[in-house]
Amino acid sequence: MSNSRALLLASAAVSIYVIAAAAGAAFVTAHPPAPAPVLGAAKPKDLDLAELVPPSGRFDYVWYVPAGATVPEIVVAWHFRDKRPVVSWTDTRRYVLTLWTPTERTRGSARWVPHALIRASPFPIVGRAVRLADVTGDRHDDLLVTVMCSVCNHAAAIVSIYAEVDSNVRKIYGHGYLGVAKGPGWDAGVHGRVISETAWGARNGLLWFDEPRGGSSVCCPAFRLQTFLRWTGNRWRVVTKRRVSPLHDRLQDQGYPAP
């Protein structure tokens, strides 16, 4: 295990998030079940959310994406159970994030097509895990996704951004991986940039990160580094960076997670 991963994963007993919506146990399955396209109502809030989760899964949370300059969308978080053993990880729940986009729309119906964003996270996906902001400049909200590590120190999280580029839904930010296995064999984890003690968000079309720098420990940085980035259509360009005293940093309060 790398030093950075050892820092993030707490060695002592920690509390696992309990999702109220997960009270009913899902069926055990060997592989992530895949939702099929759904023919239903044209308006997102008229859809039966149960139809957007496979029979072997259980619904957890939903976010509605306004149409903006394109079409309204639905983001659904749900979970299933995976019987494959993971060393030192006894929770069999795996959390999924699916984006649903309407096609073949009429006044009363649409064919809703699923796009798998996160396939089998060992960490829950609820609440502020999905935030909406247009960071690509297409006048349609993109998805800022934050998966909090439920067994980590220092507000560790895995972050990524999903957007529609050239008519395809894809990840445009977030490279890396955080898994939970503490030995050889099957792992359960999330792909994305791993952050700690860091707030992030979007403002005026720019993506920003507020991170600790310097000092003798993560909890007590000498300063915080604020980085602002702009999407150019195929990559991220740094617009500006600035150092801020931890005592006078108001930007971090506008982001998530709280450092």
C-alpha atoms as a PDB file:
ATOM      1  CA  MET A   1       0.000   0.000   0.000  1.00  0.00           C
ATOM      2  CA  SER A   2       1.382   3.430  -0.900  1.00  0.00           C
ATOM      3  CA  ASN A   3       2.108   6.020   1.791  1.00  0.00           C
ATOM      4  CA  SER A   4      -0.606   8.321   0.457  1.00  0.00           C
ATOM      5  CA  ARG A   5      -3.191   5.563   0.547  1.00  0.00           C
ATOM      6  CA  ALA A   6      -2.095   4.554   4.060  1.00  0.00           C
ATOM      7  CA  LEU A   7      -2.604   8.152   5.133  1.00  0.00           C
ATOM      8  CA  LEU A   8      -6.108   8.217   3.734  1.00  0.00           C
ATOM      9  CA  LEU A   9      -7.384   4.888   4.983  1.00  0.00           C
ATOM     10  CA  ALA A  10      -8.050   5.016   8.711  1.00  0.00           C
ATOM     11  CA  SER A  11      -6.581   2.112  10.640  1.00  0.00           C
ATOM     12  CA  ALA A  12      -8.929   2.412  13.586  1.00  0.00           C
ATOM     13  CA  ALA A  13     -12.568   1.420  13.550  1.00  0.00           C
ATOM     14  CA  VAL A  14     -14.601   3.970  11.658  1.00  0.00           C
ATOM     15  CA  SER A  15     -18.274   4.542  11.134  1.00  0.00           C
ATOM     16  CA  ILE A  16     -19.768   3.558   7.794  1.00  0.00           C
ATOM     17  CA  TYR A  17     -22.408   5.784   6.258  1.00  0.00           C
ATOM     18  CA  VAL A  18     -25.882   4.313   6.601  1.00  0.00           C
ATOM     19  CA  ILE A  19     -28.345   5.297   3.896  1.00  0.00           C
ATOM     20  CA  ALA A  20     -31.943   5.322   4.998  1.00  0.00           C
ATOM     21  CA  ALA A  21     -33.095   4.372   1.526  1.00  0.00           C
ATOM     22  CA  ALA A  22     -30.902   1.274   1.682  1.00  0.00           C
ATOM     23  CA  ALA A  23     -32.863  -0.331   4.489  1.00  0.00           C
ATOM     24  CA  GLY A  24     -34.138  -3.049   2.149  1.00  0.00           C
ATOM     25  CA  ALA A  25     -31.336  -5.478   1.290  1.00  0.00           C
ATOM     26  CA  ALA A  26     -30.605  -5.886  -2.402  1.00  0.00           C
ATOM     27  CA  PHE A  27     -30.060  -9.274  -3.992  1.00  0.00           C
ATOM     28  CA  VAL A  28     -26.516 -10.638  -4.166  1.00  0.00           C
ATOM     29  CA  THR A  29     -25.068 -10.586  -7.676  1.00  0.00           C
ATOM     30  CA  ALA A  30     -21.723 -11.437  -9.218  1.00  0.00           C
ATOM     31  CA  HIS A  31     -21.460  -8.446 -11.565  1.00  0.00           C
ATOM     32  CA  PRO A  32     -22.873  -4.899 -11.681  1.00  0.00           C
ATOM     33  CA  PRO A  33     -26.375  -5.099 -13.157  1.00  0.00           C
ATOM     34  CA  ALA A  34     -26.893  -2.802 -16.120  1.00  0.00           C
ATOM     35  CA  PRO A  35     -30.086  -0.748 -16.523  1.00  0.00           C
ATOM     36  CA  ALA A  36     -31.838  -1.024 -19.884  1.00  0.00           C
ATOM     37  CA  PRO A  37     -33.336   1.911 -21.819  1.00  0.00           C
ATOM     38  CA  VAL A  38     -36.788   2.881 -20.583  1.00  0.00           C
ATOM     39  CA  LEU A  39     -39.795   4.127 -22.537  1.00  0.00           C
ATOM     40  CA  GLY A  40     -41.655   6.524 -20.261  1.00  0.00           C
ATOM     41  CA  ALA A  41     -42.916  10.035 -19.660  1.00  0.00           C
ATOM     42  CA  ALA A  42     -41.212  12.939 -21.424  1.00  0.00           C
ATOM     43  CA  LYS A  43     -40.949  15.011 -18.231  1.00  0.00           C
ATOM     44  CA  PRO A  44     -38.303  13.739 -15.796  1.00  0.00           C
ATOM     45  CA  LYS A  45     -40.395  14.200 -12.666  1.00  0.00           C
ATOM     46  CA  ASP A  46     -43.255  12.200 -14.205  1.00  0.00           C
ATOM     47  CA  LEU A  47     -41.056   9.124 -14.507  1.00  0.00           C
ATOM     48  CA  ASP A  48     -41.324   6.239 -12.058  1.00  0.00           C
ATOM     49  CA  LEU A  49     -37.828   6.197 -10.549  1.00  0.00           C
ATOM     50  CA  ALA A  50     -38.164   2.497  -9.778  1.00  0.00           C
ATOM     51  CA  GLU A  51     -37.958   1.866 -13.522  1.00  0.00           C
ATOM     52  CA  LEU A  52     -34.494   3.443 -13.599  1.00  0.00           C
ATOM     53  CA  VAL A  53     -32.996   0.861 -11.238  1.00  0.00           C
ATOM     54  CA  PRO A  54     -32.483  -2.818 -12.168  1.00  0.00           C
ATOM     55  CA  PRO A  55     -34.523  -5.399 -10.213  1.00  0.00           C
ATOM     56  CA  SER A  56     -31.395  -6.497  -8.334  1.00  0.00           C
ATOM     57  CA  GLY A  57     -30.622  -2.923  -7.230  1.00  0.00           C
ATOM     58  CA  ARG A  58     -32.047  -0.495  -4.705  1.00  0.00           C
ATOM     59  CA  PHE A  59     -32.680   3.215  -5.258  1.00  0.00           C
ATOM     60  CA  ASP A  60     -30.702   5.711  -3.127  1.00  0.00           C
ATOM     61  CA  TYR A  61     -30.934   9.256  -4.509  1.00  0.00           C
ATOM     62  CA  VAL A  62     -31.897  11.364  -7.516  1.00  0.00           C
ATOM     63  CA  TRP A  63     -30.827  14.686  -9.042  1.00  0.00           C
ATOM     64  CA  TYR A  64     -32.689  16.464 -11.840  1.00  0.00           C
ATOM     65  CA  VAL A  65     -30.651  18.316 -14.453  1.00  0.00           C
ATOM     66  CA  PRO A  66     -32.468  21.275 -16.088  1.00  0.00           C
ATOM     67  CA  ALA A  67     -32.715  21.290 -19.871  1.00  0.00           C
ATOM     68  CA  GLY A  68     -30.666  24.434 -20.393  1.00  0.00           C
ATOM     69  CA  ALA A  69     -29.860  24.644 -24.093  1.00  0.00           C
ATOM     70  CA  THR A  70     -30.427  20.924 -24.686  1.00  0.00           C
ATOM     71  CA  VAL A  71     -32.648  18.406 -22.851  1.00  0.00           C
ATOM     72  CA  PRO A  72     -33.484  17.679 -19.206  1.00  0.00           C
ATOM     73  CA  GLU A  73     -31.678  14.732 -17.652  1.00  0.00           C
ATOM     74  CA  ILE A  74     -31.874  12.570 -14.550  1.00  0.00           C
ATOM     75  CA  VAL A  75     -29.010  11.345 -12.377  1.00  0.00           C
ATOM     76  CA  VAL A  76     -29.814   8.319 -10.242  1.00  0.00           C
ATOM     77  CA  ALA A  77     -27.732   6.800  -7.444  1.00  0.00           C
ATOM     78  CA  TRP A  78     -28.486   3.210  -6.497  1.00  0.00           C
ATOM     79  CA  HIS A  79     -26.721   0.182  -5.093  1.00  0.00           C
ATOM     80  CA  PHE A  80     -26.488  -3.571  -5.446  1.00  0.00           C
ATOM     81  CA  ARG A  81     -24.657  -6.332  -3.571  1.00  0.00           C
ATOM     82  CA  ASP A  82     -21.492  -7.955  -4.901  1.00  0.00           C
ATOM     83  CA  LYS A  83     -20.540 -11.369  -3.534  1.00  0.00           C
ATOM     84  CA  ARG A  84     -16.927 -11.186  -4.727  1.00  0.00           C
ATOM     85  CA  PRO A  85     -14.644 -11.062  -1.651  1.00  0.00           C
ATOM     86  CA  VAL A  86     -12.475  -7.999  -1.024  1.00  0.00           C
ATOM     87  CA  VAL A  87      -9.652  -8.324   1.508  1.00  0.00           C
ATOM     88  CA  SER A  88     -10.441  -6.405   4.742  1.00  0.00           C
ATOM     89  CA  TRP A  89     -13.739  -5.063   3.346  1.00  0.00           C
ATOM     90  CA  THR A  90     -16.893  -6.787   4.543  1.00  0.00           C
ATOM     91  CA  ASP A  91     -19.553  -4.425   3.158  1.00  0.00           C
ATOM     92  CA  THR A  92     -20.948  -6.047   0.005  1.00  0.00           C
ATOM     93  CA  ARG A  93     -22.862  -2.962  -1.116  1.00  0.00           C
ATOM     94  CA  ARG A  94     -21.606  -1.324  -4.310  1.00  0.00           C
ATOM     95  CA  TYR A  95     -22.908   2.081  -5.294  1.00  0.00           C
ATOM     96  CA  VAL A  96     -23.716   3.113  -8.857  1.00  0.00           C
ATOM     97  CA  LEU A  97     -24.291   6.470 -10.514  1.00  0.00           C
ATOM     98  CA  THR A  98     -26.280   6.544 -13.756  1.00  0.00           C
ATOM     99  CA  LEU A  99     -27.137   9.465 -16.025  1.00  0.00           C
ATOM    100  CA  TRP A 100     -30.392   9.152 -17.993  1.00  0.00           C
ATOM    101  CA  THR A 101     -30.810  11.108 -21.231  1.00  0.00           C
ATOM    102  CA  PRO A 102     -34.059  11.304 -23.245  1.00  0.00           C
ATOM    103  CA  THR A 103     -34.186  10.445 -26.952  1.00  0.00           C
ATOM    104  CA  GLU A 104     -37.039  10.006 -29.423  1.00  0.00           C
ATOM    105  CA  ARG A 105     -39.036  12.639 -27.537  1.00  0.00           C
ATOM    106  CA  THR A 106     -42.674  13.443 -28.206  1.00  0.00           C
ATOM    107  CA  ARG A 107     -45.033  15.666 -26.223  1.00  0.00           C
ATOM    108  CA  GLY A 108     -45.943  12.810 -23.906  1.00  0.00           C
ATOM    109  CA  SER A 109     -43.150  10.252 -24.020  1.00  0.00           C
ATOM    110  CA  ALA A 110     -39.436   9.671 -24.463  1.00  0.00           C
ATOM    111  CA  ARG A 111     -36.952   6.845 -24.626  1.00  0.00           C
ATOM    112  CA  TRP A 112     -34.571   7.267 -21.701  1.00  0.00           C
ATOM    113  CA  VAL A 113     -31.059   5.955 -22.276  1.00  0.00           C
ATOM    114  CA  PRO A 114     -28.689   5.149 -19.362  1.00  0.00           C
ATOM    115  CA  HIS A 115     -25.026   6.185 -19.173  1.00  0.00           C
ATOM    116  CA  ALA A 116     -22.960   4.500 -16.447  1.00  0.00           C
ATOM    117  CA  LEU A 117     -20.818   7.092 -14.669  1.00  0.00           C
ATOM    118  CA  ILE A 118     -19.718   5.135 -11.582  1.00  0.00           C
ATOM    119  CA  ARG A 119     -20.198   1.374 -11.740  1.00  0.00           C
ATOM    120  CA  ALA A 120     -19.356  -0.102  -8.338  1.00  0.00           C
ATOM    121  CA  SER A 121     -18.169   2.301  -5.643  1.00  0.00           C
ATOM    122  CA  PRO A 122     -17.634   0.877  -2.149  1.00  0.00           C
ATOM    123  CA  PHE A 123     -18.607   4.315  -0.805  1.00  0.00           C
ATOM    124  CA  PRO A 124     -22.168   5.730  -0.772  1.00  0.00           C
ATOM    125  CA  ILE A 125     -23.287   8.330  -3.319  1.00  0.00           C
ATOM    126  CA  VAL A 126     -25.892  10.704  -1.866  1.00  0.00           C
ATOM    127  CA  GLY A 127     -26.665  14.336  -1.046  1.00  0.00           C
ATOM    128  CA  ARG A 128     -24.039  16.739  -2.370  1.00  0.00           C
ATOM    129  CA  ALA A 129     -22.235  13.963  -4.225  1.00  0.00           C
ATOM    130  CA  VAL A 130     -23.620  15.473  -7.440  1.00  0.00           C
ATOM    131  CA  ARG A 131     -23.584  19.234  -8.048  1.00  0.00           C
ATOM    132  CA  LEU A 132     -24.602  21.013 -11.215  1.00  0.00           C
ATOM    133  CA  ALA A 133     -22.629  23.718 -13.004  1.00  0.00           C
ATOM    134  CA  ASP A 134     -21.900  24.658 -16.600  1.00  0.00           C
ATOM    135  CA  VAL A 135     -18.110  24.466 -16.873  1.00  0.00           C
ATOM    136  CA  THR A 136     -18.000  23.632 -20.591  1.00  0.00           C
ATOM    137  CA  GLY A 137     -19.828  26.737 -21.816  1.00  0.00           C
ATOM    138  CA  ASP A 138     -22.589  24.904 -23.697  1.00  0.00           C
ATOM    139  CA  ARG A 139     -25.405  26.410 -21.575  1.00  0.00           C
ATOM    140  CA  HIS A 140     -26.205  23.015 -20.072  1.00  0.00           C
ATOM    141  CA  ASP A 141     -25.213  21.938 -16.573  1.00  0.00           C
ATOM    142  CA  ASP A 142     -22.350  19.479 -16.238  1.00  0.00           C
ATOM    143  CA  LEU A 143     -22.006  17.042 -13.333  1.00  0.00           C
ATOM    144  CA  LEU A 144     -19.485  17.738 -10.584  1.00  0.00           C
ATOM    145  CA  VAL A 145     -19.253  14.412  -8.740  1.00  0.00           C
ATOM    146  CA  THR A 146     -17.729  13.955  -5.289  1.00  0.00           C
ATOM    147  CA  VAL A 147     -17.599  10.535  -3.647  1.00  0.00           C
ATOM    148  CA  MET A 148     -16.567  10.839  -0.006  1.00  0.00           C
ATOM    149  CA  CYS A 149     -14.352   8.054   1.291  1.00  0.00           C
ATOM    150  CA  SER A 150     -16.269   6.736   4.290  1.00  0.00           C
ATOM    151  CA  VAL A 151     -13.199   5.128   5.896  1.00  0.00           C
ATOM    152  CA  CYS A 152     -10.635   7.875   5.326  1.00  0.00           C
ATOM    153  CA  ASN A 153      -9.033  10.678   7.267  1.00  0.00           C
ATOM    154  CA  HIS A 154      -8.671  14.307   6.174  1.00  0.00           C
ATOM    155  CA  ALA A 155     -11.973  14.615   4.256  1.00  0.00           C
ATOM    156  CA  ALA A 156     -10.606  12.403   1.502  1.00  0.00           C
ATOM    157  CA  ALA A 157     -12.781  12.141  -1.593  1.00  0.00           C
ATOM    158  CA  ILE A 158     -12.714  11.051  -5.221  1.00  0.00           C
ATOM    159  CA  VAL A 159     -13.823  13.750  -7.663  1.00  0.00           C
ATOM    160  CA  SER A 160     -14.693  13.868 -11.346  1.00  0.00           C
ATOM    161  CA  ILE A 161     -16.659  15.879 -13.898  1.00  0.00           C
ATOM    162  CA  TYR A 162     -18.973  14.423 -16.534  1.00  0.00           C
ATOM    163  CA  ALA A 163     -20.216  16.349 -19.548  1.00  0.00           C
ATOM    164  CA  GLU A 164     -21.572  15.852 -23.030  1.00  0.00           C
ATOM    165  CA  VAL A 165     -18.811  16.441 -25.558  1.00  0.00           C
ATOM    166  CA  ASP A 166     -19.392  15.884 -29.283  1.00  0.00           C
ATOM    167  CA  SER A 167     -22.770  14.307 -28.455  1.00  0.00           C
ATOM    168  CA  ASN A 168     -21.160  11.752 -26.126  1.00  0.00           C
ATOM    169  CA  VAL A 169     -21.305  11.645 -22.328  1.00  0.00           C
ATOM    170  CA  ARG A 170     -17.793  11.303 -20.946  1.00  0.00           C
ATOM    171  CA  LYS A 171     -15.549  12.140 -18.038  1.00  0.00           C
ATOM    172  CA  ILE A 172     -13.635  15.342 -18.715  1.00  0.00           C
ATOM    173  CA  TYR A 173     -11.896  15.646 -15.350  1.00  0.00           C
ATOM    174  CA  GLY A 174     -10.625  13.219 -12.747  1.00  0.00           C
ATOM    175  CA  HIS A 175      -7.809  10.713 -13.253  1.00  0.00           C
ATOM    176  CA  GLY A 176      -6.743   8.394 -10.488  1.00  0.00           C
ATOM    177  CA  TYR A 177      -8.156   5.646  -8.311  1.00  0.00           C
ATOM    178  CA  LEU A 178      -8.908   4.866  -4.664  1.00  0.00           C
ATOM    179  CA  GLY A 179      -9.625   1.280  -3.665  1.00  0.00           C
ATOM    180  CA  VAL A 180     -10.306  -0.421  -0.336  1.00  0.00           C
ATOM    181  CA  ALA A 181      -8.618  -3.826  -0.638  1.00  0.00           C
ATOM    182  CA  LYS A 182      -5.731  -4.392   1.788  1.00  0.00           C
ATOM    183  CA  GLY A 183      -4.293  -7.392   0.038  1.00  0.00           C
ATOM    184  CA  PRO A 184      -4.190  -9.282  -3.274  1.00  0.00           C
ATOM    185  CA  GLY A 185      -7.325 -10.230  -5.129  1.00  0.00           C
ATOM    186  CA  TRP A 186     -10.466  -8.376  -6.154  1.00  0.00           C
ATOM    187  CA  ASP A 187     -10.666  -4.698  -5.231  1.00  0.00           C
ATOM    188  CA  ALA A 188     -13.575  -2.280  -4.948  1.00  0.00           C
ATOM    189  CA  GLY A 189     -12.866   1.346  -5.692  1.00  0.00           C
ATOM    190  CA  VAL A 190     -13.657   4.558  -7.514  1.00  0.00           C
ATOM    191  CA  HIS A 191     -11.854   6.164 -10.447  1.00  0.00           C
ATOM    192  CA  GLY A 192     -11.230   9.906 -10.253  1.00  0.00           C
ATOM    193  CA  ARG A 193      -8.889  12.446  -8.750  1.00  0.00           C
ATOM    194  CA  VAL A 194      -8.226  11.734  -5.072  1.00  0.00           C
ATOM    195  CA  ILE A 195      -8.243  14.867  -2.908  1.00  0.00           C
ATOM    196  CA  SER A 196      -7.922  15.523   0.819  1.00  0.00           C
ATOM    197  CA  GLU A 197      -8.560  18.617   2.937  1.00  0.00           C
ATOM    198  CA  THR A 198      -9.617  20.211  -0.350  1.00  0.00           C
ATOM    199  CA  ALA A 199     -12.737  22.130  -1.338  1.00  0.00           C
ATOM    200  CA  TRP A 200     -13.722  22.415  -4.984  1.00  0.00           C
ATOM    201  CA  GLY A 201     -16.500  23.799  -7.117  1.00  0.00           C
ATOM    202  CA  ALA A 202     -17.349  26.039 -10.053  1.00  0.00           C
ATOM    203  CA  ARG A 203     -17.797  29.796 -10.342  1.00  0.00           C
ATOM    204  CA  ASN A 204     -18.460  31.964 -13.382  1.00  0.00           C
ATOM    205  CA  GLY A 205     -17.776  29.040 -15.694  1.00  0.00           C
ATOM    206  CA  LEU A 206     -14.427  28.223 -14.083  1.00  0.00           C
ATOM    207  CA  LEU A 207     -13.506  25.081 -12.164  1.00  0.00           C
ATOM    208  CA  TRP A 208     -11.628  25.732  -8.928  1.00  0.00           C
ATOM    209  CA  PHE A 209      -9.754  23.843  -6.218  1.00  0.00           C
ATOM    210  CA  ASP A 210      -8.742  25.151  -2.790  1.00  0.00           C
ATOM    211  CA  GLU A 211      -5.937  22.970  -1.389  1.00  0.00           C
ATOM    212  CA  PRO A 212      -3.573  23.012   1.614  1.00  0.00           C
ATOM    213  CA  ARG A 213       0.102  23.660   0.957  1.00  0.00           C
ATOM    214  CA  GLY A 214       3.202  23.797   3.127  1.00  0.00           C
ATOM    215  CA  GLY A 215       3.259  23.546   6.896  1.00  0.00           C
ATOM    216  CA  SER A 216       4.116  20.596   9.084  1.00  0.00           C
ATOM    217  CA  SER A 217       0.916  18.588   8.607  1.00  0.00           C
ATOM    218  CA  VAL A 218      -2.170  18.316   6.437  1.00  0.00           C
ATOM    219  CA  CYS A 219      -4.330  19.878   9.109  1.00  0.00           C
ATOM    220  CA  CYS A 220      -2.147  22.975   9.522  1.00  0.00           C
ATOM    221  CA  PRO A 221      -1.003  24.298   6.127  1.00  0.00           C
ATOM    222  CA  ALA A 222       1.231  27.342   5.742  1.00  0.00           C
ATOM    223  CA  PHE A 223      -1.153  28.603   3.066  1.00  0.00           C
ATOM    224  CA  ARG A 224      -3.952  27.434   0.808  1.00  0.00           C
ATOM    225  CA  LEU A 225      -3.510  27.286  -2.928  1.00  0.00           C
ATOM    226  CA  GLN A 226      -6.496  28.286  -5.064  1.00  0.00           C
ATOM    227  CA  THR A 227      -6.370  27.076  -8.663  1.00  0.00           C
ATOM    228  CA  PHE A 228      -8.860  28.170 -11.336  1.00  0.00           C
ATOM    229  CA  LEU A 229      -9.210  26.240 -14.601  1.00  0.00           C
ATOM    230  CA  ARG A 230     -11.120  26.745 -17.842  1.00  0.00           C
ATOM    231  CA  TRP A 231     -12.321  24.052 -20.251  1.00  0.00           C
ATOM    232  CA  THR A 232     -11.050  24.769 -23.778  1.00  0.00           C
ATOM    233  CA  GLY A 233     -13.099  22.116 -25.559  1.00  0.00           C
ATOM    234  CA  ASN A 234     -10.551  19.326 -25.280  1.00  0.00           C
ATOM    235  CA  ARG A 235      -8.476  20.053 -22.168  1.00  0.00           C
ATOM    236  CA  TRP A 236      -8.235  22.136 -18.997  1.00  0.00           C
ATOM    237  CA  ARG A 237      -6.168  25.314 -18.971  1.00  0.00           C
ATOM    238  CA  VAL A 238      -4.997  26.939 -15.745  1.00  0.00           C
ATOM    239  CA  VAL A 239      -6.301  30.505 -15.661  1.00  0.00           C
ATOM    240  CA  THR A 240      -4.727  31.601 -12.404  1.00  0.00           C
ATOM    241  CA  LYS A 241      -3.283  30.400  -9.109  1.00  0.00           C
ATOM    242  CA  ARG A 242      -3.133  32.316  -5.860  1.00  0.00           C
ATOM    243  CA  ARG A 243      -1.988  31.797  -2.300  1.00  0.00           C
ATOM    244  CA  VAL A 244      -4.375  32.620   0.518  1.00  0.00           C
ATOM    245  CA  SER A 245      -3.930  32.600   4.267  1.00  0.00           C
ATOM    246  CA  PRO A 246      -5.972  29.799   5.889  1.00  0.00           C
ATOM    247  CA  LEU A 247      -7.366  32.448   8.238  1.00  0.00           C
ATOM    248  CA  HIS A 248      -8.767  34.537   5.377  1.00  0.00           C
ATOM    249  CA  ASP A 249      -9.881  31.862   2.932  1.00  0.00           C
ATOM    250  CA  ARG A 250     -13.559  32.368   2.153  1.00  0.00           C
ATOM    251  CA  LEU A 251     -13.590  30.385  -1.071  1.00  0.00           C
ATOM    252  CA  GLN A 252     -13.377  27.025   0.674  1.00  0.00           C
ATOM    253  CA  ASP A 253     -16.711  27.707   2.380  1.00  0.00           C
ATOM    254  CA  GLN A 254     -18.374  27.906  -1.049  1.00  0.00           C
ATOM    255  CA  GLY A 255     -17.187  24.484  -2.162  1.00  0.00           C
ATOM    256  CA  TYR A 256     -17.442  20.861  -1.132  1.00  0.00           C
ATOM    257  CA  PRO A 257     -16.292  18.951   0.799  1.00  0.00           C
ATOM    258  CA  ALA A 258     -15.449  21.147   3.762  1.00  0.00           C
ATOM    259  CA  PRO A 259     -11.702  20.866   4.469  1.00  0.00           C
END
